Protein backbone atom coordinates (compact mmCIF):
# COMPACT_ATOMS: atom_id res chain seq x y z
CA MET A 1 52.61 -6.45 1.41
CA SER A 2 53.06 -3.14 3.39
CA THR A 3 51.42 -1.10 6.06
CA SER A 4 50.12 1.41 3.33
CA ILE A 5 48.23 -1.46 1.60
CA LEU A 6 46.54 -2.46 4.81
CA TYR A 7 45.48 1.11 5.17
CA HIS A 8 44.19 1.62 1.56
CA ALA A 9 42.62 -1.79 1.22
CA PHE A 10 41.10 -2.20 4.65
CA GLY A 11 41.15 1.16 6.34
CA LEU A 12 43.57 -0.05 9.07
CA LYS A 13 45.26 2.93 10.72
CA GLY A 14 47.54 3.20 13.58
CA ILE A 15 49.33 -0.25 13.11
CA ARG A 16 52.45 -1.67 11.59
CA TYR A 17 52.45 -4.62 9.13
CA ASN A 18 54.65 -7.42 10.30
CA ALA A 19 53.81 -10.63 8.15
CA THR A 20 51.41 -12.57 6.09
CA ARG A 21 50.56 -16.23 6.43
CA TYR A 22 48.29 -18.61 4.69
CA ASP A 23 46.13 -21.22 6.57
CA GLY A 24 43.87 -23.13 4.28
CA GLU A 25 40.98 -20.93 3.08
CA TYR A 26 42.42 -17.99 5.25
CA LEU A 27 44.78 -15.19 4.35
CA ILE A 28 46.04 -13.84 7.67
CA PHE A 29 47.84 -10.57 8.23
CA GLU A 30 49.97 -9.92 11.32
CA ALA A 31 50.27 -6.43 12.54
CA GLU A 32 51.01 -4.46 15.67
CA MET A 33 49.43 -1.31 17.16
CA VAL A 34 51.93 1.63 17.11
CA THR A 35 49.88 4.78 17.43
CA LYS A 36 50.45 6.94 20.43
CA ASP A 37 47.96 9.73 19.49
CA ILE A 38 45.19 8.16 21.58
CA PRO A 39 43.43 10.74 23.94
CA CYS A 40 42.96 9.86 27.54
CA PRO A 41 39.30 9.25 28.35
CA ASP A 42 39.85 10.86 31.75
CA CYS A 43 41.83 14.08 31.15
CA GLY A 44 41.92 14.23 27.28
CA THR A 45 45.77 14.43 26.84
CA THR A 46 47.51 12.22 24.15
CA GLY A 47 50.67 11.44 25.89
CA ILE A 48 50.72 7.61 26.58
CA ILE A 49 53.07 4.75 27.23
CA PHE A 50 52.39 0.98 26.60
CA LYS A 51 51.70 -1.26 29.56
CA GLY A 52 51.08 -4.86 28.43
CA SER A 53 49.65 -6.35 25.36
CA LYS A 54 47.34 -9.10 23.94
CA TRP A 55 46.50 -10.50 20.50
CA ARG A 56 43.10 -9.90 18.92
CA ARG A 57 41.79 -11.40 15.69
CA LEU A 58 39.37 -9.51 13.32
CA LEU A 59 37.57 -10.46 10.18
CA LEU A 60 38.47 -8.38 7.21
CA PRO A 61 36.74 -8.09 3.69
CA LEU A 62 37.29 -10.82 1.20
CA ILE A 63 40.10 -10.60 -1.39
CA GLY A 64 38.51 -12.33 -4.32
CA ARG A 65 37.14 -15.54 -2.70
CA LYS A 66 39.73 -15.63 0.08
CA ARG A 67 38.75 -15.01 3.63
CA CYS A 68 41.02 -12.42 5.36
CA LEU A 69 41.85 -12.11 9.05
CA LEU A 70 43.85 -9.64 10.96
CA ASP A 71 45.98 -10.85 14.01
CA LEU A 72 46.64 -7.73 15.74
CA LEU A 73 48.93 -7.17 18.73
CA ILE A 74 47.14 -4.46 20.70
CA HIS A 75 48.78 -2.73 23.68
CA ARG A 76 47.26 -1.64 26.95
CA VAL A 77 48.15 2.05 27.51
CA GLN A 78 48.69 4.37 30.48
CA CYS A 79 48.27 8.18 30.32
CA LEU A 80 51.48 9.99 31.31
CA ARG A 81 49.47 12.72 32.94
CA CYS A 82 46.86 11.15 35.09
CA LYS A 83 48.10 7.52 35.08
CA HIS A 84 44.89 6.09 33.87
CA ILE A 85 45.21 2.71 32.27
CA TRP A 86 42.89 1.29 29.54
CA TRP A 87 42.65 -0.95 26.43
CA PRO A 88 42.32 1.49 23.47
CA GLN A 89 39.78 1.23 20.58
CA LEU A 90 41.45 1.92 17.27
CA SER A 91 39.44 3.76 14.49
CA PHE A 92 38.80 0.54 12.44
CA MET A 93 37.47 -1.52 15.54
CA LEU A 94 33.77 -1.71 16.38
CA GLY A 95 33.80 -2.37 20.17
CA LYS A 96 34.29 -6.00 21.06
CA HIS A 97 33.04 -7.23 17.69
CA SER A 98 35.20 -9.90 15.95
CA TYR A 99 35.17 -8.03 12.63
CA ALA A 100 36.78 -4.75 11.40
CA ARG A 101 34.71 -1.70 10.28
CA SER A 102 35.65 -2.43 6.57
CA PHE A 103 34.16 -5.88 6.91
CA ALA A 104 30.85 -4.45 8.19
CA LEU A 105 30.82 -1.86 5.33
CA GLN A 106 31.30 -4.73 2.74
CA VAL A 107 28.41 -6.53 4.36
CA LEU A 108 26.10 -3.53 4.34
CA ASP A 109 27.00 -2.97 0.50
CA LEU A 110 26.07 -6.61 -0.29
CA LEU A 111 22.85 -6.41 1.60
CA LYS A 112 21.78 -3.72 -0.90
CA MET A 113 21.60 -6.47 -3.50
CA ALA A 114 21.13 -9.74 -1.63
CA THR A 115 19.32 -11.31 1.29
CA ILE A 116 20.94 -11.81 4.70
CA LYS A 117 21.18 -15.57 3.97
CA ASP A 118 22.94 -15.05 0.78
CA VAL A 119 25.41 -12.48 2.19
CA ALA A 120 26.22 -14.92 5.02
CA ASN A 121 26.91 -17.82 2.53
CA TYR A 122 29.03 -15.47 0.36
CA MET A 123 31.05 -14.25 3.33
CA ARG A 124 31.11 -17.76 4.86
CA VAL A 125 30.14 -16.56 8.30
CA GLY A 126 27.04 -17.12 10.36
CA TRP A 127 23.54 -15.72 9.57
CA ASP A 128 23.40 -14.09 13.02
CA MET A 129 26.55 -12.01 12.45
CA ILE A 130 25.21 -10.51 9.21
CA LYS A 131 21.99 -9.82 10.89
CA ASP A 132 23.64 -8.14 13.88
CA ILE A 133 25.72 -5.92 11.65
CA HIS A 134 22.49 -4.87 9.74
CA LYS A 135 20.73 -4.34 13.04
CA LEU A 136 23.51 -2.14 14.48
CA LYS A 137 23.49 0.08 11.30
CA LEU A 138 19.70 0.40 11.37
CA LYS A 139 19.72 1.23 15.12
CA THR A 140 22.08 4.14 14.29
CA MET A 141 19.99 5.34 11.36
CA TYR A 142 16.70 5.22 13.15
CA LYS A 143 17.72 6.17 16.74
CA THR A 144 15.44 9.15 16.33
CA ARG A 145 12.57 9.61 13.98
CA PRO A 146 11.61 13.33 13.83
CA LEU A 147 7.96 14.24 14.14
CA LYS A 148 7.90 18.03 14.01
CA ASN A 149 7.22 18.36 10.27
CA ILE A 150 4.69 15.51 9.82
CA LYS A 151 1.26 16.75 8.59
CA TYR A 152 -0.59 13.62 7.66
CA ILE A 153 -0.38 10.11 9.29
CA GLY A 154 -1.94 6.84 8.38
CA ILE A 155 -2.63 4.02 10.88
CA ASP A 156 -3.15 0.42 10.09
CA GLU A 157 -2.50 -3.12 11.55
CA PHE A 158 -1.24 -6.50 10.14
CA ALA A 159 -0.80 -9.85 11.61
CA ILE A 160 2.62 -10.83 12.84
CA LYS A 161 1.83 -14.26 14.06
CA LYS A 162 -1.00 -16.86 13.96
CA GLY A 163 -3.44 -16.55 16.76
CA HIS A 164 -4.58 -13.01 16.49
CA LYS A 165 -1.10 -11.42 17.06
CA TYR A 166 -1.13 -7.97 15.46
CA MET A 167 1.22 -5.03 14.95
CA THR A 168 0.01 -1.46 14.39
CA ILE A 169 2.09 0.85 12.20
CA PHE A 170 1.97 4.67 11.89
CA VAL A 171 3.02 5.85 8.45
CA ASP A 172 3.98 9.41 7.33
CA LEU A 173 1.70 9.68 4.36
CA ARG A 174 3.79 12.28 2.55
CA TYR A 175 6.92 10.19 2.31
CA GLY A 176 5.36 6.75 2.71
CA ARG A 177 7.67 5.77 5.60
CA VAL A 178 6.88 4.01 8.87
CA ILE A 179 7.50 6.29 11.82
CA HIS A 180 6.46 3.90 14.47
CA ALA A 181 5.58 0.31 15.03
CA VAL A 182 3.97 -1.29 18.14
CA GLU A 183 2.78 -4.78 19.01
CA GLY A 184 -1.08 -4.98 19.42
CA LYS A 185 -3.90 -2.92 18.03
CA SER A 186 -5.63 -1.90 21.19
CA LYS A 187 -6.18 1.64 22.53
CA LYS A 188 -3.66 0.83 25.28
CA ALA A 189 -1.05 -0.20 22.79
CA ILE A 190 -1.13 3.03 20.68
CA LEU A 191 -1.65 5.54 23.47
CA PRO A 192 2.08 6.14 24.23
CA PHE A 193 2.86 7.12 20.72
CA LEU A 194 -0.16 9.34 20.37
CA LYS A 195 1.05 11.22 23.51
CA ARG A 196 4.43 11.68 21.71
CA LEU A 197 2.65 12.99 18.70
CA LYS A 198 0.68 15.48 20.88
CA CYS A 199 4.03 16.90 22.20
CA HIS A 200 6.29 16.79 19.13
CA ALA A 201 4.05 16.73 16.01
CA ARG A 202 3.07 20.40 16.07
CA LYS A 203 2.17 20.53 12.34
CA LEU A 204 -0.09 17.32 12.45
CA LYS A 205 -3.44 18.14 10.74
CA ALA A 206 -5.22 14.76 10.19
CA ILE A 207 -4.89 10.96 10.72
CA ALA A 208 -6.25 8.48 8.20
CA MET A 209 -7.50 5.13 9.54
CA ASP A 210 -10.18 2.42 9.32
CA MET A 211 -13.26 2.45 11.36
CA SER A 212 -11.58 0.68 14.30
CA ALA A 213 -13.26 1.81 17.47
CA SER A 214 -9.92 1.53 19.42
CA TYR A 215 -8.12 3.79 16.94
CA PHE A 216 -10.87 6.24 16.84
CA TRP A 217 -11.33 6.77 20.58
CA ALA A 218 -7.68 6.80 21.28
CA VAL A 219 -7.09 9.54 18.75
CA LYS A 220 -10.15 11.46 19.89
CA GLU A 221 -9.13 11.46 23.55
CA THR A 222 -5.37 12.22 23.01
CA LEU A 223 -5.53 14.46 19.89
CA PRO A 224 -8.96 16.15 20.08
CA LYS A 225 -8.07 18.82 17.65
CA ILE A 226 -6.70 16.58 14.99
CA ASP A 227 -9.04 15.60 12.12
CA ILE A 228 -9.78 11.83 11.64
CA VAL A 229 -10.31 10.68 8.02
CA PHE A 230 -11.85 7.29 7.53
CA ASP A 231 -10.02 5.56 4.65
CA ARG A 232 -11.83 4.87 1.41
CA PHE A 233 -10.45 1.43 1.08
CA HIS A 234 -11.83 0.38 4.32
CA VAL A 235 -15.21 1.92 3.86
CA MET A 236 -15.66 0.03 0.55
CA GLY A 237 -14.36 -3.04 2.29
CA LEU A 238 -17.18 -2.81 4.75
CA MET A 239 -19.62 -2.57 1.87
CA SER A 240 -18.05 -5.53 0.01
CA LYS A 241 -18.11 -7.65 3.19
CA ALA A 242 -21.94 -6.88 3.59
CA ILE A 243 -22.60 -7.92 0.02
CA ASP A 244 -20.54 -11.19 0.41
CA THR A 245 -22.31 -12.05 3.53
CA PHE A 246 -25.69 -11.31 2.08
CA ARG A 247 -24.80 -13.30 -1.05
CA ARG A 248 -23.88 -16.46 1.09
CA GLN A 249 -27.05 -16.16 3.18
CA TYR A 250 -29.24 -15.62 0.13
CA GLN A 251 -27.55 -18.59 -1.56
CA GLN A 252 -28.56 -21.01 1.29
CA MET A 253 -32.18 -20.10 0.86
CA LEU A 254 -32.28 -21.05 -2.76
CA ASN A 255 -32.79 -24.49 -4.28
CA LYS A 256 -30.01 -26.41 -5.97
CA THR A 257 -30.75 -25.19 -9.44
CA ASP A 258 -30.79 -21.52 -8.40
CA ARG A 259 -27.68 -21.82 -6.34
CA LYS A 260 -25.75 -22.73 -9.44
CA ILE A 261 -26.68 -19.33 -10.92
CA LEU A 262 -24.96 -17.76 -7.99
CA LYS A 263 -22.01 -20.00 -7.95
CA GLY A 264 -18.85 -18.10 -8.82
CA ALA A 265 -20.56 -14.62 -8.48
CA ARG A 266 -18.50 -13.32 -5.68
CA PHE A 267 -15.83 -11.88 -7.89
CA LEU A 268 -18.26 -10.20 -10.10
CA LEU A 269 -20.20 -8.69 -7.34
CA LEU A 270 -17.23 -7.30 -5.54
CA SER A 271 -15.17 -5.98 -8.55
CA ASN A 272 -15.65 -2.46 -9.80
CA TYR A 273 -18.05 -2.65 -12.72
CA GLU A 274 -15.95 -0.61 -15.18
CA ASN A 275 -12.97 -2.99 -14.54
CA LEU A 276 -14.85 -6.15 -15.71
CA GLU A 277 -14.35 -7.52 -19.15
CA THR A 278 -17.23 -7.39 -21.54
CA GLY A 279 -18.12 -11.13 -21.11
CA ARG A 280 -18.10 -10.79 -17.30
CA LYS A 281 -20.30 -7.65 -17.35
CA SER A 282 -22.80 -9.48 -19.45
CA ARG A 283 -22.92 -12.32 -16.88
CA LEU A 284 -23.12 -9.96 -13.98
CA ASP A 285 -26.08 -8.06 -15.62
CA GLU A 286 -27.91 -11.37 -16.20
CA LEU A 287 -27.29 -12.30 -12.53
CA LEU A 288 -28.55 -8.95 -11.15
CA GLN A 289 -31.73 -9.17 -13.35
CA LEU A 290 -32.58 -12.47 -11.61
CA ASN A 291 -31.71 -11.42 -8.04
CA GLU A 292 -33.43 -8.10 -7.08
CA PRO A 293 -31.92 -7.98 -3.52
CA LEU A 294 -28.42 -8.54 -4.91
CA SER A 295 -28.99 -6.00 -7.65
CA LYS A 296 -29.99 -3.47 -5.07
CA MET A 297 -26.83 -4.12 -2.92
CA HIS A 298 -24.53 -3.89 -5.97
CA LEU A 299 -26.20 -0.66 -7.17
CA MET A 300 -25.78 0.91 -3.67
CA LYS A 301 -22.12 -0.21 -3.76
CA GLU A 302 -21.51 1.44 -7.07
CA GLN A 303 -23.21 4.60 -5.96
CA LEU A 304 -21.14 4.72 -2.66
CA ARG A 305 -18.02 4.67 -4.76
CA LEU A 306 -18.93 8.09 -6.27
CA PHE A 307 -18.99 9.71 -2.86
CA TRP A 308 -15.16 10.53 -3.13
CA ASP A 309 -15.68 12.09 -6.50
CA VAL A 310 -17.92 14.84 -5.13
CA LYS A 311 -16.34 18.25 -5.33
CA THR A 312 -17.14 19.98 -1.96
CA ARG A 313 -17.88 18.90 1.57
CA LYS A 314 -21.37 20.38 1.43
CA GLU A 315 -22.26 18.30 -1.56
CA ALA A 316 -20.71 15.35 0.04
CA ARG A 317 -22.96 15.74 3.21
CA LYS A 318 -26.00 15.75 0.85
CA PHE A 319 -24.84 12.79 -0.98
CA LEU A 320 -24.19 10.69 2.17
CA ASN A 321 -27.48 11.63 3.70
CA ALA A 322 -29.41 10.62 0.63
CA TRP A 323 -27.38 7.39 0.19
CA GLY A 324 -27.95 6.50 3.91
CA TYR A 325 -31.75 7.24 3.82
CA GLU A 326 -32.12 5.05 0.68
CA ALA A 327 -30.01 2.27 2.23
CA MET A 328 -31.85 2.31 5.53
CA SER A 329 -35.17 2.41 3.80
CA SER A 330 -34.38 -0.87 2.01
CA SER A 331 -35.64 -4.10 3.12
CA ILE A 332 -32.16 -5.58 3.27
CA PRO A 333 -30.75 -5.80 6.76
CA ALA A 334 -27.13 -6.05 5.77
CA LEU A 335 -27.40 -2.88 3.83
CA ALA A 336 -29.18 -1.05 6.44
CA LYS A 337 -26.42 -2.06 8.94
CA VAL A 338 -23.68 -0.59 6.66
CA ALA A 339 -25.69 2.66 6.40
CA LYS A 340 -26.13 2.88 10.11
CA THR A 341 -22.37 2.51 10.64
CA LEU A 342 -21.53 5.10 7.94
CA MET A 343 -24.08 7.59 9.46
CA ALA A 344 -22.44 7.09 12.98
CA TYR A 345 -18.99 7.89 11.57
CA ARG A 346 -20.12 10.46 8.98
CA SER A 347 -17.79 13.14 10.38
CA GLY A 348 -14.72 10.95 9.62
CA LEU A 349 -16.04 10.55 6.05
CA LEU A 350 -16.68 14.13 5.42
CA THR A 351 -13.24 15.29 6.60
CA TYR A 352 -11.85 13.69 3.59
CA PHE A 353 -12.90 16.70 1.66
CA ASP A 354 -10.81 19.03 3.93
CA HIS A 355 -7.52 16.90 3.54
CA LYS A 356 -8.01 14.53 0.52
CA ILE A 357 -5.83 11.82 2.16
CA THR A 358 -6.22 8.09 2.03
CA ASN A 359 -4.39 5.20 3.56
CA ALA A 360 -3.11 3.93 0.06
CA PRO A 361 0.58 4.46 1.09
CA VAL A 362 -0.05 2.35 4.23
CA GLU A 363 -1.81 -0.40 2.19
CA GLY A 364 1.22 -0.49 -0.18
CA LEU A 365 3.69 -0.84 2.90
CA VAL A 366 1.55 -3.61 4.41
CA ASN A 367 1.90 -5.62 1.21
CA LYS A 368 5.71 -5.11 1.27
CA ILE A 369 5.57 -6.19 4.94
CA LYS A 370 3.84 -9.46 4.08
CA THR A 371 6.45 -10.13 1.36
CA LEU A 372 9.20 -9.44 3.99
CA LYS A 373 7.68 -11.89 6.49
CA ARG A 374 7.14 -14.43 3.87
CA GLN A 375 10.64 -14.42 2.54
CA ALA A 376 12.01 -14.41 6.21
CA TYR A 377 9.68 -17.17 7.32
CA GLY A 378 8.92 -14.87 10.43
CA PHE A 379 11.00 -12.79 12.63
CA ARG A 380 12.27 -13.92 16.09
CA ASP A 381 14.00 -10.67 16.91
CA MET A 382 11.09 -8.16 17.15
CA GLU A 383 13.43 -5.08 17.62
CA TYR A 384 15.08 -6.03 14.42
CA PHE A 385 11.80 -6.48 12.71
CA LYS A 386 10.67 -3.07 13.65
CA LEU A 387 13.90 -1.51 12.46
CA ARG A 388 13.34 -3.21 9.01
CA LEU A 389 9.91 -1.58 8.93
CA TYR A 390 11.45 1.76 9.54
CA HIS A 391 13.82 1.19 6.71
CA LEU A 392 11.30 -0.36 4.35
CA HIS A 393 10.70 2.85 2.40
CA GLN A 394 14.40 2.95 1.29
CA GLN A 395 14.64 -0.74 0.22
CA ARG A 396 14.37 -1.61 -3.39
CA TYR A 397 14.01 -5.29 -2.46
CA SER A 398 12.27 -7.03 0.48
CA LEU A 399 15.21 -8.96 1.95
CA SER A 400 15.08 -12.04 4.04
CA GLY A 401 15.17 -11.54 7.83
């Protein structure tokens, strides 16, 4: 063993190798600090003398399956010029952490392929140490999240805990990355970030969202010149919810024999007609022939799907007005309620034809987040959880938290 091997294997500079010893599962290297090219933090000169010493133990990367430690004799130093005295930090140290920089780099490499728990078991250290290494790296990577070139943003929320605990995420729709996450889904929760967007996102054109009143009015008040686009997925979700509610209410009004006809019809009614298999299409057609109100609701749902295929904004306005008039003229309260809602928010529906954006990238990220939460059995460190969200677009796998 030599000083050069410690340098090439572990990146240890400014030290001199003294000895190696073995202690059970540990391979322990003893070394001493020798560098004198350390600049003074006060005056910047590099002339120093040693003034006292202490031993410090650092974790090093594994050699095979053997755990490696560095017992380093580190010297307190004094500046020859200004007489300032301090304990130096060598290049391979990371503050007061009990591991060397090379150990942290090995951990980060392993995290690209395995979960935090798996890496901790392999390195034979505590789960919290691996998490802290990852958290420190992510904090460095996402200390700043530039907003100046963002053109389109998507907003959505997801549950973080039971009991109606939510988190709102803002997603750059162009790259599918989370640019901000905040606990809560109220107007008060998202206003601070909207104000940041107003100051820094000079190229922002439109924001895609669901028809949440808190999101809508927060954006309208803070960013009045930015277009709001109501997401297609949520609009169709509103229609599907109305059909399902009506189906359940209608089913309660039927006798036992007729109820059996509607049993198991939920999937058939809510699915896109062209996606159904031939046998299911036949069953749906029979069902709709026997239930005129459900037939009307299903027909209006299928017609509404065509709204986003219209070529121009002018044609879309005519389509929406005709659809809304027909829906509100029906004798079905649930359908009329949907039409009334869409007419009230028609501006957010029509702006789709100016920007052609949807919240599809956001929905994809929300599904990844659910997988991340499920594999981690929840997150206790909310700051770390948010950092994981900012990094989610670069991860090939959802790792355990």
